[in-house]
Amino acid sequence: MTRKAISPAHHRSLGDHTWQADAVCQSTECNPVDPDIFFPEPDETDKISVAKALCAQCPVRRTCLDAALEGGDTEGIRGGMTEEEREPLHEKLAHRLDYSRVNATIAGRDIHLTKAERRAVILAAYRQGLTEQRLAWLLKITEEHAQKRYRETRRALRNRDLDQAPATTPPPETGGERLGRDDFGTAA
C-alpha cells in the first residue's frame, strides 16, 4: 500500500506577489506571452481558449485565483477563469471558511481572511487561551478591540450552553386535574 503525504496548504501572505514569478503568463525571452490574450472580449473565444490552456499548465493557478478574488479583480482571465466564471466566487468569498487559513493565522502567518475566518480565529484563539495581546497582533487590531471580541465570544458560548440546557422533566400525569401547592409536600 502506498501512502500519499498531504502537504500543508501554502497561503500567500498579505501583500506577497512573489508567486507571480512562477506564473506561466509571465513573458520571458524563451517564452514570449502576449498579455492581451488574458483580457479578451466576450466573443473572442480563441483568445479565451489560449489563455485557459496556459492557465491549465500554471503551477500557481490557485494562488492567482485567490489573489484575484481577494483583491476584487473582475477584469480578464485569472486563475484559469473568465470574469463571468469568477463572479459567483466573488459573491461567496465573504462566507469562505477554510480552516487551513484559520490555523495558519493562529500559527502567526499574515494572510487574507474572510469575516467567517476571522470569527473562527477569534473562537480558536479564545479556546486555546491566547491572550488579548496575541489576538490583537494576529488580527492587526487594537487590544481593546480584541478584549471586546473575547467578551462577545464568552457571551456567545455561555448563551449557546444555556440554549442547550437539558429540558425539565414533564409534570406528573394527574388525569386532567390541576396540581395545587399542597400536592408537592413541604419542599414547595
N, C-alpha and C. Protein backbone atom coordinates (compact mmCIF):
# COMPACT_ATOMS: atom_id res chain seq x y z
N MET A 1 0.84 -1.18 0.00
CA MET A 1 0.00 0.00 0.00
C MET A 1 0.88 1.24 0.00
N THR A 2 0.63 2.12 -0.94
CA THR A 2 1.41 3.35 -1.00
C THR A 2 0.70 4.43 -0.20
N ARG A 3 1.48 5.26 0.42
CA ARG A 3 0.92 6.35 1.21
C ARG A 3 1.19 7.65 0.47
N LYS A 4 0.21 8.48 0.46
CA LYS A 4 0.35 9.80 -0.15
C LYS A 4 0.40 10.83 0.97
N ALA A 5 1.47 11.56 1.01
CA ALA A 5 1.60 12.58 2.03
C ALA A 5 0.79 13.80 1.62
N ILE A 6 0.05 14.32 2.56
CA ILE A 6 -0.73 15.53 2.30
C ILE A 6 0.12 16.70 2.75
N SER A 7 0.49 17.53 1.80
CA SER A 7 1.31 18.68 2.15
C SER A 7 0.43 19.78 2.74
N PRO A 8 0.98 20.55 3.64
CA PRO A 8 0.17 21.62 4.23
C PRO A 8 -0.15 22.69 3.20
N ALA A 9 -1.28 23.34 3.41
CA ALA A 9 -1.68 24.40 2.49
C ALA A 9 -0.70 25.57 2.60
N HIS A 10 -0.35 26.12 1.48
CA HIS A 10 0.53 27.28 1.45
C HIS A 10 -0.28 28.48 0.99
N HIS A 11 -0.59 29.34 1.91
CA HIS A 11 -1.36 30.54 1.59
C HIS A 11 -0.39 31.70 1.48
N ARG A 12 -0.64 32.55 0.52
CA ARG A 12 0.26 33.69 0.35
C ARG A 12 -0.01 34.71 1.46
N SER A 13 1.04 35.35 1.87
CA SER A 13 0.92 36.38 2.89
C SER A 13 0.32 37.64 2.28
N LEU A 14 -0.23 38.49 3.12
CA LEU A 14 -0.77 39.76 2.64
C LEU A 14 0.33 40.55 1.94
N GLY A 15 0.03 41.05 0.77
CA GLY A 15 0.99 41.85 0.02
C GLY A 15 2.06 41.05 -0.70
N ASP A 16 2.02 39.72 -0.61
CA ASP A 16 3.02 38.87 -1.26
C ASP A 16 2.67 38.69 -2.73
N HIS A 17 3.58 39.10 -3.59
CA HIS A 17 3.38 38.93 -5.03
C HIS A 17 4.51 38.10 -5.64
N THR A 18 5.30 37.45 -4.81
CA THR A 18 6.43 36.67 -5.32
C THR A 18 5.97 35.48 -6.16
N TRP A 19 4.76 35.00 -5.93
CA TRP A 19 4.23 33.88 -6.68
C TRP A 19 4.14 34.19 -8.16
N GLN A 20 4.02 35.46 -8.52
CA GLN A 20 3.87 35.84 -9.93
C GLN A 20 5.08 35.46 -10.76
N ALA A 21 6.25 35.35 -10.14
CA ALA A 21 7.45 34.97 -10.88
C ALA A 21 7.34 33.55 -11.43
N ASP A 22 6.53 32.71 -10.79
CA ASP A 22 6.35 31.32 -11.23
C ASP A 22 5.18 31.15 -12.19
N ALA A 23 4.47 32.21 -12.49
CA ALA A 23 3.29 32.13 -13.35
C ALA A 23 3.68 31.91 -14.80
N VAL A 24 2.92 31.07 -15.47
CA VAL A 24 3.16 30.76 -16.88
C VAL A 24 2.90 31.98 -17.76
N CYS A 25 2.05 32.89 -17.32
CA CYS A 25 1.71 34.06 -18.13
C CYS A 25 2.80 35.13 -18.14
N GLN A 26 3.83 34.97 -17.33
CA GLN A 26 4.93 35.94 -17.32
C GLN A 26 5.77 35.76 -18.57
N SER A 27 5.90 36.80 -19.32
CA SER A 27 6.65 36.74 -20.57
C SER A 27 8.16 36.77 -20.29
N THR A 28 8.88 35.86 -20.95
CA THR A 28 10.34 35.80 -20.84
C THR A 28 10.93 35.74 -22.25
N GLU A 29 12.25 35.78 -22.35
CA GLU A 29 12.88 35.67 -23.67
C GLU A 29 12.55 34.35 -24.32
N CYS A 30 12.57 33.29 -23.55
CA CYS A 30 12.31 31.95 -24.08
C CYS A 30 10.82 31.67 -24.26
N ASN A 31 10.00 32.38 -23.55
CA ASN A 31 8.56 32.13 -23.59
C ASN A 31 7.82 33.47 -23.69
N PRO A 32 7.78 34.06 -24.90
CA PRO A 32 7.05 35.34 -25.03
C PRO A 32 5.54 35.10 -24.95
N VAL A 33 4.90 35.81 -24.05
CA VAL A 33 3.45 35.69 -23.87
C VAL A 33 2.84 37.07 -24.06
N ASP A 34 1.82 37.13 -24.91
CA ASP A 34 1.11 38.39 -25.15
C ASP A 34 0.09 38.59 -24.02
N PRO A 35 0.25 39.61 -23.18
CA PRO A 35 -0.69 39.81 -22.07
C PRO A 35 -2.11 40.10 -22.52
N ASP A 36 -2.28 40.54 -23.78
CA ASP A 36 -3.62 40.86 -24.26
C ASP A 36 -4.53 39.63 -24.34
N ILE A 37 -3.95 38.43 -24.43
CA ILE A 37 -4.81 37.25 -24.51
C ILE A 37 -5.56 37.00 -23.20
N PHE A 38 -5.10 37.59 -22.11
CA PHE A 38 -5.77 37.42 -20.82
C PHE A 38 -6.86 38.46 -20.59
N PHE A 39 -7.06 39.34 -21.57
CA PHE A 39 -8.11 40.36 -21.48
C PHE A 39 -8.93 40.37 -22.76
N PRO A 40 -9.53 39.22 -23.10
CA PRO A 40 -10.30 39.14 -24.34
C PRO A 40 -11.69 39.74 -24.19
N GLU A 41 -12.28 40.06 -25.32
CA GLU A 41 -13.69 40.45 -25.35
C GLU A 41 -14.51 39.17 -25.20
N PRO A 42 -15.74 39.25 -24.74
CA PRO A 42 -16.54 38.04 -24.51
C PRO A 42 -16.71 37.14 -25.74
N ASP A 43 -16.66 37.72 -26.92
CA ASP A 43 -16.87 36.92 -28.13
C ASP A 43 -15.55 36.40 -28.74
N GLU A 44 -14.43 36.69 -28.14
CA GLU A 44 -13.12 36.22 -28.64
C GLU A 44 -12.79 34.86 -28.02
N THR A 45 -13.49 33.83 -28.49
CA THR A 45 -13.35 32.50 -27.91
C THR A 45 -11.98 31.90 -28.12
N ASP A 46 -11.31 32.25 -29.22
CA ASP A 46 -9.96 31.72 -29.46
C ASP A 46 -8.99 32.23 -28.39
N LYS A 47 -9.04 33.53 -28.09
CA LYS A 47 -8.16 34.09 -27.05
C LYS A 47 -8.46 33.47 -25.69
N ILE A 48 -9.75 33.27 -25.41
CA ILE A 48 -10.14 32.68 -24.14
C ILE A 48 -9.58 31.26 -24.03
N SER A 49 -9.69 30.50 -25.11
CA SER A 49 -9.17 29.11 -25.10
C SER A 49 -7.67 29.07 -24.90
N VAL A 50 -6.93 29.97 -25.57
CA VAL A 50 -5.47 30.01 -25.43
C VAL A 50 -5.09 30.40 -24.00
N ALA A 51 -5.76 31.40 -23.46
CA ALA A 51 -5.45 31.86 -22.09
C ALA A 51 -5.74 30.75 -21.09
N LYS A 52 -6.87 30.07 -21.23
CA LYS A 52 -7.22 28.99 -20.30
C LYS A 52 -6.24 27.81 -20.43
N ALA A 53 -5.76 27.55 -21.65
CA ALA A 53 -4.78 26.47 -21.84
C ALA A 53 -3.48 26.81 -21.12
N LEU A 54 -3.06 28.07 -21.19
CA LEU A 54 -1.86 28.49 -20.45
C LEU A 54 -2.08 28.36 -18.95
N CYS A 55 -3.23 28.80 -18.48
CA CYS A 55 -3.53 28.73 -17.06
C CYS A 55 -3.57 27.28 -16.57
N ALA A 56 -4.02 26.38 -17.40
CA ALA A 56 -4.11 24.98 -17.01
C ALA A 56 -2.73 24.39 -16.70
N GLN A 57 -1.67 24.95 -17.29
CA GLN A 57 -0.31 24.48 -17.07
C GLN A 57 0.38 25.19 -15.90
N CYS A 58 -0.25 26.19 -15.36
CA CYS A 58 0.40 27.08 -14.40
C CYS A 58 0.49 26.47 -13.00
N PRO A 59 1.68 26.48 -12.40
CA PRO A 59 1.83 25.93 -11.05
C PRO A 59 1.24 26.82 -9.95
N VAL A 60 0.94 28.07 -10.25
CA VAL A 60 0.40 28.99 -9.24
C VAL A 60 -1.02 29.43 -9.59
N ARG A 61 -1.73 28.60 -10.34
CA ARG A 61 -3.09 28.94 -10.79
C ARG A 61 -4.01 29.21 -9.60
N ARG A 62 -3.97 28.36 -8.58
CA ARG A 62 -4.84 28.53 -7.41
C ARG A 62 -4.51 29.83 -6.66
N THR A 63 -3.24 30.12 -6.54
CA THR A 63 -2.82 31.35 -5.86
C THR A 63 -3.28 32.56 -6.65
N CYS A 64 -3.19 32.47 -7.97
CA CYS A 64 -3.64 33.55 -8.85
C CYS A 64 -5.14 33.79 -8.68
N LEU A 65 -5.90 32.70 -8.63
CA LEU A 65 -7.34 32.83 -8.43
C LEU A 65 -7.66 33.44 -7.07
N ASP A 66 -6.98 32.97 -6.03
CA ASP A 66 -7.18 33.55 -4.69
C ASP A 66 -6.86 35.04 -4.68
N ALA A 67 -5.76 35.41 -5.31
CA ALA A 67 -5.37 36.82 -5.35
C ALA A 67 -6.41 37.65 -6.09
N ALA A 68 -6.95 37.12 -7.17
CA ALA A 68 -7.98 37.84 -7.93
C ALA A 68 -9.24 38.02 -7.10
N LEU A 69 -9.64 36.97 -6.40
CA LEU A 69 -10.86 37.06 -5.58
C LEU A 69 -10.65 37.98 -4.38
N GLU A 70 -9.54 37.82 -3.70
CA GLU A 70 -9.27 38.63 -2.51
C GLU A 70 -9.04 40.09 -2.87
N GLY A 71 -8.47 40.34 -4.04
CA GLY A 71 -8.21 41.71 -4.47
C GLY A 71 -9.38 42.35 -5.19
N GLY A 72 -10.44 41.57 -5.43
CA GLY A 72 -11.61 42.10 -6.11
C GLY A 72 -11.41 42.31 -7.61
N ASP A 73 -10.41 41.63 -8.20
CA ASP A 73 -10.16 41.77 -9.63
C ASP A 73 -11.30 41.15 -10.42
N THR A 74 -11.96 41.96 -11.21
CA THR A 74 -13.07 41.46 -12.01
C THR A 74 -12.76 41.52 -13.50
N GLU A 75 -11.58 41.91 -13.86
CA GLU A 75 -11.21 42.05 -15.27
C GLU A 75 -10.30 40.91 -15.70
N GLY A 76 -10.50 40.42 -16.91
CA GLY A 76 -9.59 39.46 -17.51
C GLY A 76 -9.71 38.05 -16.98
N ILE A 77 -8.84 37.19 -17.50
CA ILE A 77 -8.80 35.79 -17.09
C ILE A 77 -7.75 35.67 -16.01
N ARG A 78 -8.17 35.16 -14.85
CA ARG A 78 -7.27 34.98 -13.71
C ARG A 78 -7.53 33.61 -13.12
N GLY A 79 -6.47 32.89 -12.82
CA GLY A 79 -6.62 31.57 -12.22
C GLY A 79 -7.35 30.59 -13.10
N GLY A 80 -7.30 30.80 -14.40
CA GLY A 80 -7.95 29.89 -15.34
C GLY A 80 -9.44 30.12 -15.50
N MET A 81 -9.94 31.24 -14.98
CA MET A 81 -11.37 31.51 -15.06
C MET A 81 -11.63 32.88 -15.67
N THR A 82 -12.70 32.95 -16.44
CA THR A 82 -13.11 34.23 -17.02
C THR A 82 -13.81 35.07 -15.96
N GLU A 83 -14.07 36.32 -16.32
CA GLU A 83 -14.77 37.23 -15.41
C GLU A 83 -16.12 36.65 -14.99
N GLU A 84 -16.85 36.11 -15.97
CA GLU A 84 -18.17 35.56 -15.70
C GLU A 84 -18.09 34.33 -14.80
N GLU A 85 -17.07 33.51 -14.98
CA GLU A 85 -16.92 32.31 -14.16
C GLU A 85 -16.53 32.65 -12.72
N ARG A 86 -15.80 33.74 -12.54
CA ARG A 86 -15.38 34.14 -11.20
C ARG A 86 -16.46 34.89 -10.43
N GLU A 87 -17.43 35.43 -11.13
CA GLU A 87 -18.45 36.27 -10.49
C GLU A 87 -19.15 35.58 -9.31
N PRO A 88 -19.62 34.32 -9.44
CA PRO A 88 -20.25 33.69 -8.28
C PRO A 88 -19.27 33.47 -7.13
N LEU A 89 -18.00 33.26 -7.45
CA LEU A 89 -17.00 33.07 -6.40
C LEU A 89 -16.77 34.37 -5.63
N HIS A 90 -16.80 35.50 -6.35
CA HIS A 90 -16.67 36.80 -5.68
C HIS A 90 -17.80 36.98 -4.66
N GLU A 91 -19.00 36.57 -5.05
CA GLU A 91 -20.15 36.74 -4.17
C GLU A 91 -20.05 35.85 -2.94
N LYS A 92 -19.46 34.65 -3.09
CA LYS A 92 -19.37 33.69 -1.99
C LYS A 92 -18.14 33.89 -1.11
N LEU A 93 -17.20 34.72 -1.54
CA LEU A 93 -15.92 34.84 -0.85
C LEU A 93 -16.08 35.25 0.61
N ALA A 94 -16.99 36.15 0.90
CA ALA A 94 -17.15 36.62 2.28
C ALA A 94 -17.55 35.50 3.24
N HIS A 95 -18.13 34.43 2.70
CA HIS A 95 -18.59 33.33 3.54
C HIS A 95 -17.61 32.16 3.56
N ARG A 96 -16.48 32.31 2.88
CA ARG A 96 -15.50 31.21 2.85
C ARG A 96 -15.00 30.94 4.27
N LEU A 97 -14.91 29.67 4.62
CA LEU A 97 -14.37 29.28 5.91
C LEU A 97 -13.41 28.12 5.67
N ASP A 98 -12.15 28.48 5.52
CA ASP A 98 -11.09 27.50 5.25
C ASP A 98 -10.26 27.37 6.52
N TYR A 99 -10.39 26.23 7.19
CA TYR A 99 -9.71 26.06 8.48
C TYR A 99 -8.20 26.02 8.34
N SER A 100 -7.68 25.72 7.15
CA SER A 100 -6.22 25.78 6.99
C SER A 100 -5.76 27.23 7.08
N ARG A 101 -6.59 28.17 6.62
CA ARG A 101 -6.27 29.59 6.74
C ARG A 101 -6.35 30.04 8.20
N VAL A 102 -7.35 29.53 8.91
CA VAL A 102 -7.51 29.84 10.33
C VAL A 102 -6.30 29.34 11.10
N ASN A 103 -5.92 28.09 10.86
CA ASN A 103 -4.76 27.51 11.55
C ASN A 103 -3.47 28.25 11.21
N ALA A 104 -3.32 28.64 9.96
CA ALA A 104 -2.12 29.39 9.57
C ALA A 104 -2.06 30.73 10.29
N THR A 105 -3.20 31.37 10.48
CA THR A 105 -3.23 32.65 11.19
C THR A 105 -2.89 32.44 12.66
N ILE A 106 -3.47 31.42 13.28
CA ILE A 106 -3.17 31.13 14.69
C ILE A 106 -1.67 30.86 14.86
N ALA A 107 -1.06 30.24 13.83
CA ALA A 107 0.37 29.95 13.88
C ALA A 107 1.23 31.19 13.64
N GLY A 108 0.59 32.32 13.30
CA GLY A 108 1.35 33.56 13.15
C GLY A 108 1.53 34.04 11.73
N ARG A 109 0.96 33.34 10.74
CA ARG A 109 1.06 33.78 9.35
C ARG A 109 0.12 34.94 9.11
N ASP A 110 0.53 35.88 8.30
CA ASP A 110 -0.24 37.07 7.99
C ASP A 110 -0.90 36.87 6.64
N ILE A 111 -2.12 36.32 6.65
CA ILE A 111 -2.80 36.02 5.39
C ILE A 111 -4.17 36.67 5.35
N HIS A 112 -4.73 36.77 4.16
CA HIS A 112 -6.05 37.37 3.97
C HIS A 112 -7.11 36.45 4.56
N LEU A 113 -8.00 37.02 5.36
CA LEU A 113 -9.08 36.24 5.99
C LEU A 113 -10.43 36.86 5.64
N THR A 114 -11.41 36.00 5.47
CA THR A 114 -12.78 36.48 5.30
C THR A 114 -13.37 36.76 6.69
N LYS A 115 -14.56 37.33 6.72
CA LYS A 115 -15.21 37.59 8.01
C LYS A 115 -15.45 36.30 8.77
N ALA A 116 -15.87 35.27 8.06
CA ALA A 116 -16.12 33.97 8.72
C ALA A 116 -14.82 33.41 9.29
N GLU A 117 -13.74 33.55 8.55
CA GLU A 117 -12.45 33.04 9.03
C GLU A 117 -11.94 33.86 10.21
N ARG A 118 -12.18 35.16 10.21
CA ARG A 118 -11.77 36.00 11.34
C ARG A 118 -12.52 35.57 12.61
N ARG A 119 -13.83 35.30 12.46
CA ARG A 119 -14.61 34.83 13.62
C ARG A 119 -14.06 33.49 14.12
N ALA A 120 -13.68 32.62 13.19
CA ALA A 120 -13.14 31.31 13.58
C ALA A 120 -11.78 31.47 14.28
N VAL A 121 -10.98 32.44 13.85
CA VAL A 121 -9.69 32.70 14.51
C VAL A 121 -9.94 33.17 15.94
N ILE A 122 -10.91 34.05 16.13
CA ILE A 122 -11.21 34.55 17.47
C ILE A 122 -11.65 33.40 18.37
N LEU A 123 -12.54 32.54 17.88
CA LEU A 123 -13.01 31.41 18.67
C LEU A 123 -11.87 30.44 18.99
N ALA A 124 -11.03 30.14 18.00
CA ALA A 124 -9.91 29.22 18.23
C ALA A 124 -8.92 29.81 19.22
N ALA A 125 -8.63 31.10 19.08
CA ALA A 125 -7.70 31.75 19.99
C ALA A 125 -8.26 31.75 21.41
N TYR A 126 -9.55 32.01 21.55
CA TYR A 126 -10.18 32.01 22.87
C TYR A 126 -10.10 30.62 23.50
N ARG A 127 -10.43 29.61 22.72
CA ARG A 127 -10.40 28.24 23.24
C ARG A 127 -9.00 27.78 23.58
N GLN A 128 -8.00 28.29 22.85
CA GLN A 128 -6.62 27.91 23.14
C GLN A 128 -6.02 28.75 24.26
N GLY A 129 -6.75 29.73 24.74
CA GLY A 129 -6.27 30.55 25.85
C GLY A 129 -5.24 31.59 25.44
N LEU A 130 -5.26 32.00 24.17
CA LEU A 130 -4.32 33.05 23.75
C LEU A 130 -4.73 34.37 24.39
N THR A 131 -3.77 35.18 24.70
CA THR A 131 -4.04 36.47 25.34
C THR A 131 -4.67 37.44 24.34
N GLU A 132 -5.29 38.47 24.90
CA GLU A 132 -5.85 39.51 24.04
C GLU A 132 -4.76 40.19 23.22
N GLN A 133 -3.57 40.33 23.81
CA GLN A 133 -2.45 40.94 23.08
C GLN A 133 -2.08 40.11 21.86
N ARG A 134 -2.05 38.78 22.04
CA ARG A 134 -1.71 37.90 20.91
C ARG A 134 -2.80 37.96 19.84
N LEU A 135 -4.06 37.93 20.25
CA LEU A 135 -5.16 38.03 19.29
C LEU A 135 -5.08 39.34 18.53
N ALA A 136 -4.81 40.41 19.25
CA ALA A 136 -4.68 41.72 18.60
C ALA A 136 -3.58 41.70 17.56
N TRP A 137 -2.46 41.08 17.88
CA TRP A 137 -1.34 41.01 16.95
C TRP A 137 -1.70 40.15 15.74
N LEU A 138 -2.38 39.03 15.98
CA LEU A 138 -2.73 38.12 14.87
C LEU A 138 -3.69 38.77 13.87
N LEU A 139 -4.66 39.53 14.40
CA LEU A 139 -5.69 40.11 13.53
C LEU A 139 -5.43 41.57 13.18
N LYS A 140 -4.31 42.11 13.66
CA LYS A 140 -3.96 43.51 13.38
C LYS A 140 -5.07 44.46 13.85
N ILE A 141 -5.48 44.24 15.11
CA ILE A 141 -6.49 45.10 15.72
C ILE A 141 -5.93 45.60 17.05
N THR A 142 -6.64 46.53 17.68
CA THR A 142 -6.17 47.04 18.97
C THR A 142 -6.47 46.02 20.07
N GLU A 143 -5.78 46.15 21.18
CA GLU A 143 -6.03 45.25 22.31
C GLU A 143 -7.44 45.44 22.85
N GLU A 144 -7.94 46.67 22.84
CA GLU A 144 -9.30 46.93 23.31
C GLU A 144 -10.31 46.20 22.42
N HIS A 145 -10.05 46.21 21.11
CA HIS A 145 -10.94 45.52 20.18
C HIS A 145 -10.86 44.00 20.42
N ALA A 146 -9.67 43.49 20.69
CA ALA A 146 -9.50 42.06 20.98
C ALA A 146 -10.25 41.70 22.26
N GLN A 147 -10.18 42.56 23.29
CA GLN A 147 -10.92 42.30 24.52
C GLN A 147 -12.42 42.26 24.26
N LYS A 148 -12.89 43.17 23.42
CA LYS A 148 -14.31 43.20 23.06
C LYS A 148 -14.70 41.91 22.34
N ARG A 149 -13.88 41.45 21.43
CA ARG A 149 -14.16 40.20 20.69
C ARG A 149 -14.20 39.00 21.64
N TYR A 150 -13.28 38.98 22.61
CA TYR A 150 -13.28 37.88 23.59
C TYR A 150 -14.54 37.94 24.46
N ARG A 151 -14.97 39.13 24.86
CA ARG A 151 -16.20 39.26 25.65
C ARG A 151 -17.39 38.74 24.85
N GLU A 152 -17.46 39.12 23.57
CA GLU A 152 -18.56 38.66 22.72
C GLU A 152 -18.52 37.14 22.57
N THR A 153 -17.32 36.58 22.45
CA THR A 153 -17.18 35.13 22.31
C THR A 153 -17.61 34.43 23.58
N ARG A 154 -17.17 34.94 24.74
CA ARG A 154 -17.58 34.37 26.02
C ARG A 154 -19.10 34.37 26.15
N ARG A 155 -19.69 35.51 25.81
CA ARG A 155 -21.15 35.65 25.90
C ARG A 155 -21.85 34.67 24.95
N ALA A 156 -21.36 34.56 23.73
CA ALA A 156 -21.98 33.66 22.75
C ALA A 156 -21.88 32.20 23.20
N LEU A 157 -20.73 31.82 23.74
CA LEU A 157 -20.57 30.44 24.22
C LEU A 157 -21.47 30.18 25.43
N ARG A 158 -21.55 31.14 26.33
CA ARG A 158 -22.41 30.99 27.51
C ARG A 158 -23.87 30.86 27.07
N ASN A 159 -24.31 31.71 26.15
CA ASN A 159 -25.69 31.66 25.69
C ASN A 159 -25.97 30.36 24.94
N ARG A 160 -25.00 29.88 24.19
CA ARG A 160 -25.17 28.62 23.48
C ARG A 160 -25.35 27.48 24.49
N ASP A 161 -24.53 27.51 25.54
CA ASP A 161 -24.64 26.48 26.57
C ASP A 161 -26.00 26.55 27.28
N LEU A 162 -26.51 27.77 27.51
CA LEU A 162 -27.81 27.92 28.15
C LEU A 162 -28.92 27.40 27.24
N ASP A 163 -28.80 27.64 25.94
CA ASP A 163 -29.81 27.16 24.99
C ASP A 163 -29.83 25.65 24.91
N GLN A 164 -28.70 25.01 25.22
CA GLN A 164 -28.62 23.56 25.12
C GLN A 164 -28.82 22.88 26.47
N ALA A 165 -29.29 23.62 27.46
CA ALA A 165 -29.53 23.05 28.79
C ALA A 165 -30.59 21.96 28.67
N PRO A 166 -30.46 20.90 29.48
CA PRO A 166 -31.44 19.81 29.38
C PRO A 166 -32.84 20.30 29.73
N ALA A 167 -33.80 19.74 29.06
CA ALA A 167 -35.19 20.12 29.29
C ALA A 167 -35.62 19.65 30.69
N THR A 168 -36.51 20.39 31.29
CA THR A 168 -37.01 19.99 32.61
C THR A 168 -37.92 18.78 32.45
N THR A 169 -38.05 18.03 33.51
CA THR A 169 -38.90 16.83 33.44
C THR A 169 -40.36 17.27 33.38
N PRO A 170 -41.13 16.55 32.59
CA PRO A 170 -42.54 16.95 32.46
C PRO A 170 -43.27 16.72 33.77
N PRO A 171 -44.34 17.46 34.01
CA PRO A 171 -45.11 17.28 35.26
C PRO A 171 -45.75 15.90 35.27
N PRO A 172 -45.98 15.36 36.46
CA PRO A 172 -46.60 14.03 36.54
C PRO A 172 -48.02 14.06 36.01
N GLU A 173 -48.45 12.92 35.51
CA GLU A 173 -49.81 12.80 34.99
C GLU A 173 -50.79 12.90 36.17
N THR A 174 -51.80 13.70 35.99
CA THR A 174 -52.77 13.87 37.07
C THR A 174 -54.18 13.54 36.62
N GLY A 175 -54.29 13.00 35.44
CA GLY A 175 -55.62 12.65 34.96
C GLY A 175 -56.46 13.89 34.66
N GLY A 176 -55.83 14.97 34.22
CA GLY A 176 -56.56 16.17 33.84
C GLY A 176 -56.75 17.14 34.98
N GLU A 177 -56.43 16.74 36.23
CA GLU A 177 -56.58 17.65 37.36
C GLU A 177 -55.38 18.57 37.44
N ARG A 178 -55.63 19.73 37.91
CA ARG A 178 -54.56 20.69 38.11
C ARG A 178 -53.99 20.50 39.51
N LEU A 179 -52.63 20.43 39.57
CA LEU A 179 -51.99 20.22 40.86
C LEU A 179 -51.91 21.53 41.62
N GLY A 180 -52.12 21.44 42.91
CA GLY A 180 -52.01 22.63 43.75
C GLY A 180 -50.75 22.57 44.60
N ARG A 181 -50.55 23.60 45.39
CA ARG A 181 -49.37 23.70 46.22
C ARG A 181 -49.28 22.56 47.23
N ASP A 182 -50.37 22.16 47.75
CA ASP A 182 -50.39 21.11 48.76
C ASP A 182 -50.02 19.75 48.20
N ASP A 183 -50.09 19.59 46.89
CA ASP A 183 -49.78 18.30 46.28
C ASP A 183 -48.27 18.03 46.22
N PHE A 184 -47.43 19.01 46.53
CA PHE A 184 -45.98 18.85 46.38
C PHE A 184 -45.27 18.66 47.71
N GLY A 185 -45.91 18.64 48.79
CA GLY A 185 -45.28 18.43 50.07
C GLY A 185 -44.68 19.71 50.63
N THR A 186 -43.84 19.56 51.62
CA THR A 186 -43.29 20.71 52.32
C THR A 186 -42.18 21.42 51.59
N ALA A 187 -41.55 20.78 50.60
CA ALA A 187 -40.43 21.41 49.89
C ALA A 187 -40.89 22.52 48.98
N ALA A 188 -42.15 22.52 48.61
CA ALA A 188 -42.65 23.53 47.68
C ALA A 188 -43.04 24.71 48.42
